[in-house]
Amino acid sequence: MAKAHRGKGIRELVSRGRGECPVCKRSNVKILYEQEAEEGKIKVCKTCRAAIKHGKKKAS
């Protein structure tokens, strides 16, 4: 199985999809997952998406 095209979709994003997560405030993590919040949709990191899904954190 070829691995040449893995991650190709995030190369076009600003900073290759990396930034500061608005929920956990960690910096330089991949911000790729959309999540519903009070003000609309926000993008969060993978661990915060799972924590919000399981009710351990709230999307702010």
PDB file of N, CA and C in Angstrom:
ATOM      1  N   MET A   1       0.843  -1.182   0.000  1.00  0.00           N
ATOM      2  CA  MET A   1       0.000   0.000   0.000  1.00  0.00           C
ATOM      3  C   MET A   1       0.889   1.246   0.000  1.00  0.00           C
ATOM      4  N   ALA A   2       0.638   2.128  -0.926  1.00  0.00           N
ATOM      5  CA  ALA A   2       1.448   3.335  -1.058  1.00  0.00           C
ATOM      6  C   ALA A   2       1.151   4.323   0.064  1.00  0.00           C
ATOM      7  N   LYS A   3       2.194   5.021   0.496  1.00  0.00           N
ATOM      8  CA  LYS A   3       2.051   5.999   1.568  1.00  0.00           C
ATOM      9  C   LYS A   3       2.449   7.391   1.103  1.00  0.00           C
ATOM     10  N   ALA A   4       2.504   7.615  -0.189  1.00  0.00           N
ATOM     11  CA  ALA A   4       2.995   8.876  -0.724  1.00  0.00           C
ATOM     12  C   ALA A   4       2.013  10.024  -0.546  1.00  0.00           C
ATOM     13  N   HIS A   5       0.730   9.748  -0.394  1.00  0.00           N
ATOM     14  CA  HIS A   5      -0.256  10.821  -0.368  1.00  0.00           C
ATOM     15  C   HIS A   5      -0.866  11.049   1.013  1.00  0.00           C
ATOM     16  N   ARG A   6      -0.317  10.463   2.043  1.00  0.00           N
ATOM     17  CA  ARG A   6      -0.850  10.665   3.388  1.00  0.00           C
ATOM     18  C   ARG A   6      -0.586  12.092   3.840  1.00  0.00           C
ATOM     19  N   GLY A   7      -1.610  12.759   4.343  1.00  0.00           N
ATOM     20  CA  GLY A   7      -1.458  14.125   4.812  1.00  0.00           C
ATOM     21  C   GLY A   7      -1.493  15.147   3.706  1.00  0.00           C
ATOM     22  N   LYS A   8      -1.823  14.744   2.494  1.00  0.00           N
ATOM     23  CA  LYS A   8      -1.826  15.676   1.373  1.00  0.00           C
ATOM     24  C   LYS A   8      -2.892  16.748   1.548  1.00  0.00           C
ATOM     25  N   GLY A   9      -4.011  16.406   2.169  1.00  0.00           N
ATOM     26  CA  GLY A   9      -5.096  17.366   2.332  1.00  0.00           C
ATOM     27  C   GLY A   9      -4.799  18.501   3.279  1.00  0.00           C
ATOM     28  N   ILE A  10      -3.901  18.296   4.243  1.00  0.00           N
ATOM     29  CA  ILE A  10      -3.610  19.367   5.194  1.00  0.00           C
ATOM     30  C   ILE A  10      -2.434  20.234   4.759  1.00  0.00           C
ATOM     31  N   ARG A  11      -1.773  19.880   3.694  1.00  0.00           N
ATOM     32  CA  ARG A  11      -0.640  20.698   3.233  1.00  0.00           C
ATOM     33  C   ARG A  11      -1.094  22.042   2.687  1.00  0.00           C
ATOM     34  N   GLU A  12      -2.331  22.125   2.204  1.00  0.00           N
ATOM     35  CA  GLU A  12      -2.824  23.378   1.656  1.00  0.00           C
ATOM     36  C   GLU A  12      -3.351  24.318   2.742  1.00  0.00           C
ATOM     37  N   LEU A  13      -3.573  23.811   3.952  1.00  0.00           N
ATOM     38  CA  LEU A  13      -4.092  24.628   5.039  1.00  0.00           C
ATOM     39  C   LEU A  13      -3.023  25.564   5.579  1.00  0.00           C
ATOM     40  N   VAL A  14      -3.477  26.626   6.244  1.00  0.00           N
ATOM     41  CA  VAL A  14      -2.554  27.577   6.844  1.00  0.00           C
ATOM     42  C   VAL A  14      -1.767  26.867   7.934  1.00  0.00           C
ATOM     43  N   SER A  15      -0.462  27.007   7.932  1.00  0.00           N
ATOM     44  CA  SER A  15       0.448  26.363   8.889  1.00  0.00           C
ATOM     45  C   SER A  15       0.263  24.857   8.931  1.00  0.00           C
ATOM     46  N   ARG A  16      -0.150  24.276   7.814  1.00  0.00           N
ATOM     47  CA  ARG A  16      -0.389  22.831   7.681  1.00  0.00           C
ATOM     48  C   ARG A  16      -1.378  22.305   8.720  1.00  0.00           C
ATOM     49  N   GLY A  17      -2.373  23.129   9.055  1.00  0.00           N
ATOM     50  CA  GLY A  17      -3.428  22.704   9.970  1.00  0.00           C
ATOM     51  C   GLY A  17      -3.071  22.802  11.433  1.00  0.00           C
ATOM     52  N   ARG A  18      -1.952  23.425  11.752  1.00  0.00           N
ATOM     53  CA  ARG A  18      -1.517  23.516  13.145  1.00  0.00           C
ATOM     54  C   ARG A  18      -1.834  24.889  13.724  1.00  0.00           C
ATOM     55  N   GLY A  19      -2.065  24.898  15.039  1.00  0.00           N
ATOM     56  CA  GLY A  19      -2.350  26.147  15.728  1.00  0.00           C
ATOM     57  C   GLY A  19      -2.634  25.881  17.191  1.00  0.00           C
ATOM     58  N   GLU A  20      -3.343  26.816  17.831  1.00  0.00           N
ATOM     59  CA  GLU A  20      -3.684  26.672  19.243  1.00  0.00           C
ATOM     60  C   GLU A  20      -5.123  26.216  19.367  1.00  0.00           C
ATOM     61  N   CYS A  21      -5.343  25.170  20.143  1.00  0.00           N
ATOM     62  CA  CYS A  21      -6.690  24.645  20.361  1.00  0.00           C
ATOM     63  C   CYS A  21      -7.447  25.605  21.273  1.00  0.00           C
ATOM     64  N   PRO A  22      -8.655  26.011  20.902  1.00  0.00           N
ATOM     65  CA  PRO A  22      -9.410  26.950  21.739  1.00  0.00           C
ATOM     66  C   PRO A  22      -9.951  26.331  23.021  1.00  0.00           C
ATOM     67  N   VAL A  23      -9.967  25.016  23.138  1.00  0.00           N
ATOM     68  CA  VAL A  23     -10.503  24.356  24.332  1.00  0.00           C
ATOM     69  C   VAL A  23      -9.408  24.124  25.366  1.00  0.00           C
ATOM     70  N   CYS A  24      -8.330  23.454  24.974  1.00  0.00           N
ATOM     71  CA  CYS A  24      -7.271  23.113  25.932  1.00  0.00           C
ATOM     72  C   CYS A  24      -6.112  24.105  25.918  1.00  0.00           C
ATOM     73  N   LYS A  25      -6.088  25.023  24.966  1.00  0.00           N
ATOM     74  CA  LYS A  25      -5.064  26.075  24.843  1.00  0.00           C
ATOM     75  C   LYS A  25      -3.659  25.546  24.568  1.00  0.00           C
ATOM     76  N   ARG A  26      -3.557  24.309  24.085  1.00  0.00           N
ATOM     77  CA  ARG A  26      -2.244  23.805  23.691  1.00  0.00           C
ATOM     78  C   ARG A  26      -1.874  24.418  22.352  1.00  0.00           C
ATOM     79  N   SER A  27      -0.593  24.699  22.169  1.00  0.00           N
ATOM     80  CA  SER A  27      -0.154  25.332  20.932  1.00  0.00           C
ATOM     81  C   SER A  27       0.551  24.316  20.034  1.00  0.00           C
ATOM     82  N   ASN A  28       0.554  24.610  18.752  1.00  0.00           N
ATOM     83  CA  ASN A  28       1.225  23.817  17.720  1.00  0.00           C
ATOM     84  C   ASN A  28       0.706  22.386  17.646  1.00  0.00           C
ATOM     85  N   VAL A  29      -0.605  22.203  17.787  1.00  0.00           N
ATOM     86  CA  VAL A  29      -1.239  20.906  17.584  1.00  0.00           C
ATOM     87  C   VAL A  29      -2.127  21.002  16.352  1.00  0.00           C
ATOM     88  N   LYS A  30      -2.456  19.876  15.769  1.00  0.00           N
ATOM     89  CA  LYS A  30      -3.306  19.877  14.579  1.00  0.00           C
ATOM     90  C   LYS A  30      -4.740  20.226  14.973  1.00  0.00           C
ATOM     91  N   ILE A  31      -5.268  21.253  14.354  1.00  0.00           N
ATOM     92  CA  ILE A  31      -6.626  21.728  14.607  1.00  0.00           C
ATOM     93  C   ILE A  31      -7.461  21.356  13.382  1.00  0.00           C
ATOM     94  N   LEU A  32      -7.964  20.129  13.353  1.00  0.00           N
ATOM     95  CA  LEU A  32      -8.606  19.618  12.149  1.00  0.00           C
ATOM     96  C   LEU A  32     -10.059  19.219  12.336  1.00  0.00           C
ATOM     97  N   TYR A  33     -10.543  19.156  13.560  1.00  0.00           N
ATOM     98  CA  TYR A  33     -11.851  18.574  13.822  1.00  0.00           C
ATOM     99  C   TYR A  33     -12.870  19.656  14.156  1.00  0.00           C
ATOM    100  N   GLU A  34     -13.962  19.733  13.380  1.00  0.00           N
ATOM    101  CA  GLU A  34     -15.012  20.707  13.628  1.00  0.00           C
ATOM    102  C   GLU A  34     -15.915  20.228  14.751  1.00  0.00           C
ATOM    103  N   GLN A  35     -16.305  21.164  15.615  1.00  0.00           N
ATOM    104  CA  GLN A  35     -17.142  20.847  16.756  1.00  0.00           C
ATOM    105  C   GLN A  35     -18.157  21.973  16.938  1.00  0.00           C
ATOM    106  N   GLU A  36     -19.373  21.617  17.301  1.00  0.00           N
ATOM    107  CA  GLU A  36     -20.407  22.616  17.564  1.00  0.00           C
ATOM    108  C   GLU A  36     -20.133  23.311  18.890  1.00  0.00           C
ATOM    109  N   ALA A  37     -20.290  24.631  18.908  1.00  0.00           N
ATOM    110  CA  ALA A  37     -20.148  25.426  20.125  1.00  0.00           C
ATOM    111  C   ALA A  37     -21.286  26.441  20.156  1.00  0.00           C
ATOM    112  N   GLU A  38     -21.294  27.279  21.195  1.00  0.00           N
ATOM    113  CA  GLU A  38     -22.364  28.275  21.312  1.00  0.00           C
ATOM    114  C   GLU A  38     -22.340  29.270  20.156  1.00  0.00           C
ATOM    115  N   GLU A  39     -21.145  29.670  19.727  1.00  0.00           N
ATOM    116  CA  GLU A  39     -21.017  30.675  18.670  1.00  0.00           C
ATOM    117  C   GLU A  39     -20.976  30.080  17.275  1.00  0.00           C
ATOM    118  N   GLY A  40     -21.160  28.793  17.143  1.00  0.00           N
ATOM    119  CA  GLY A  40     -21.149  28.132  15.838  1.00  0.00           C
ATOM    120  C   GLY A  40     -20.160  26.993  15.838  1.00  0.00           C
ATOM    121  N   LYS A  41     -19.566  26.708  14.698  1.00  0.00           N
ATOM    122  CA  LYS A  41     -18.601  25.626  14.593  1.00  0.00           C
ATOM    123  C   LYS A  41     -17.205  26.159  14.861  1.00  0.00           C
ATOM    124  N   ILE A  42     -16.441  25.409  15.650  1.00  0.00           N
ATOM    125  CA  ILE A  42     -15.044  25.727  15.904  1.00  0.00           C
ATOM    126  C   ILE A  42     -14.211  24.500  15.565  1.00  0.00           C
ATOM    127  N   LYS A  43     -12.928  24.707  15.326  1.00  0.00           N
ATOM    128  CA  LYS A  43     -12.024  23.597  15.052  1.00  0.00           C
ATOM    129  C   LYS A  43     -11.207  23.333  16.299  1.00  0.00           C
ATOM    130  N   VAL A  44     -11.158  22.052  16.698  1.00  0.00           N
ATOM    131  CA  VAL A  44     -10.443  21.648  17.907  1.00  0.00           C
ATOM    132  C   VAL A  44      -9.469  20.526  17.584  1.00  0.00           C
ATOM    133  N   CYS A  45      -8.621  20.185  18.562  1.00  0.00           N
ATOM    134  CA  CYS A  45      -7.658  19.099  18.375  1.00  0.00           C
ATOM    135  C   CYS A  45      -8.348  17.753  18.591  1.00  0.00           C
ATOM    136  N   LYS A  46      -7.632  16.692  18.309  1.00  0.00           N
ATOM    137  CA  LYS A  46      -8.189  15.344  18.358  1.00  0.00           C
ATOM    138  C   LYS A  46      -8.583  14.933  19.770  1.00  0.00           C
ATOM    139  N   THR A  47      -7.768  15.238  20.768  1.00  0.00           N
ATOM    140  CA  THR A  47      -8.078  14.837  22.141  1.00  0.00           C
ATOM    141  C   THR A  47      -9.264  15.598  22.696  1.00  0.00           C
ATOM    142  N   CYS A  48      -9.396  16.872  22.358  1.00  0.00           N
ATOM    143  CA  CYS A  48     -10.542  17.660  22.828  1.00  0.00           C
ATOM    144  C   CYS A  48     -11.830  17.214  22.140  1.00  0.00           C
ATOM    145  N   ARG A  49     -11.743  16.814  20.893  1.00  0.00           N
ATOM    146  CA  ARG A  49     -12.932  16.314  20.198  1.00  0.00           C
ATOM    147  C   ARG A  49     -13.467  15.073  20.892  1.00  0.00           C
ATOM    148  N   ALA A  50     -12.576  14.168  21.286  1.00  0.00           N
ATOM    149  CA  ALA A  50     -12.996  12.952  21.979  1.00  0.00           C
ATOM    150  C   ALA A  50     -13.533  13.270  23.362  1.00  0.00           C
ATOM    151  N   ALA A  51     -12.914  14.229  24.063  1.00  0.00           N
ATOM    152  CA  ALA A  51     -13.366  14.593  25.402  1.00  0.00           C
ATOM    153  C   ALA A  51     -14.738  15.267  25.352  1.00  0.00           C
ATOM    154  N   ILE A  52     -14.982  16.096  24.357  1.00  0.00           N
ATOM    155  CA  ILE A  52     -16.294  16.734  24.199  1.00  0.00           C
ATOM    156  C   ILE A  52     -17.341  15.695  23.853  1.00  0.00           C
ATOM    157  N   LYS A  53     -16.990  14.756  23.012  1.00  0.00           N
ATOM    158  CA  LYS A  53     -17.917  13.709  22.609  1.00  0.00           C
ATOM    159  C   LYS A  53     -18.357  12.853  23.798  1.00  0.00           C
ATOM    160  N   HIS A  54     -17.437  12.588  24.730  1.00  0.00           N
ATOM    161  CA  HIS A  54     -17.732  11.766  25.889  1.00  0.00           C
ATOM    162  C   HIS A  54     -18.220  12.573  27.086  1.00  0.00           C
ATOM    163  N   GLY A  55     -18.386  13.887  26.927  1.00  0.00           N
ATOM    164  CA  GLY A  55     -18.940  14.710  27.986  1.00  0.00           C
ATOM    165  C   GLY A  55     -17.961  15.127  29.061  1.00  0.00           C
ATOM    166  N   LYS A  56     -16.672  15.000  28.815  1.00  0.00           N
ATOM    167  CA  LYS A  56     -15.670  15.377  29.819  1.00  0.00           C
ATOM    168  C   LYS A  56     -15.254  16.830  29.724  1.00  0.00           C
ATOM    169  N   LYS A  57     -15.435  17.448  28.566  1.00  0.00           N
ATOM    170  CA  LYS A  57     -15.120  18.863  28.372  1.00  0.00           C
ATOM    171  C   LYS A  57     -16.286  19.516  27.649  1.00  0.00           C
ATOM    172  N   LYS A  58     -16.353  20.841  27.734  1.00  0.00           N
ATOM    173  CA  LYS A  58     -17.370  21.599  27.012  1.00  0.00           C
ATOM    174  C   LYS A  58     -16.680  22.443  25.953  1.00  0.00           C
ATOM    175  N   ALA A  59     -17.301  22.529  24.795  1.00  0.00           N
ATOM    176  CA  ALA A  59     -16.773  23.380  23.724  1.00  0.00           C
ATOM    177  C   ALA A  59     -17.102  24.814  24.069  1.00  0.00           C
ATOM    178  N   SER A  60     -16.070  25.641  24.130  1.00  0.00           N
ATOM    179  CA  SER A  60     -16.303  27.036  24.486  1.00  0.00           C
ATOM    180  C   SER A  60     -16.295  27.933  23.288  1.00  0.00           C
TER     181      SER A  60
END
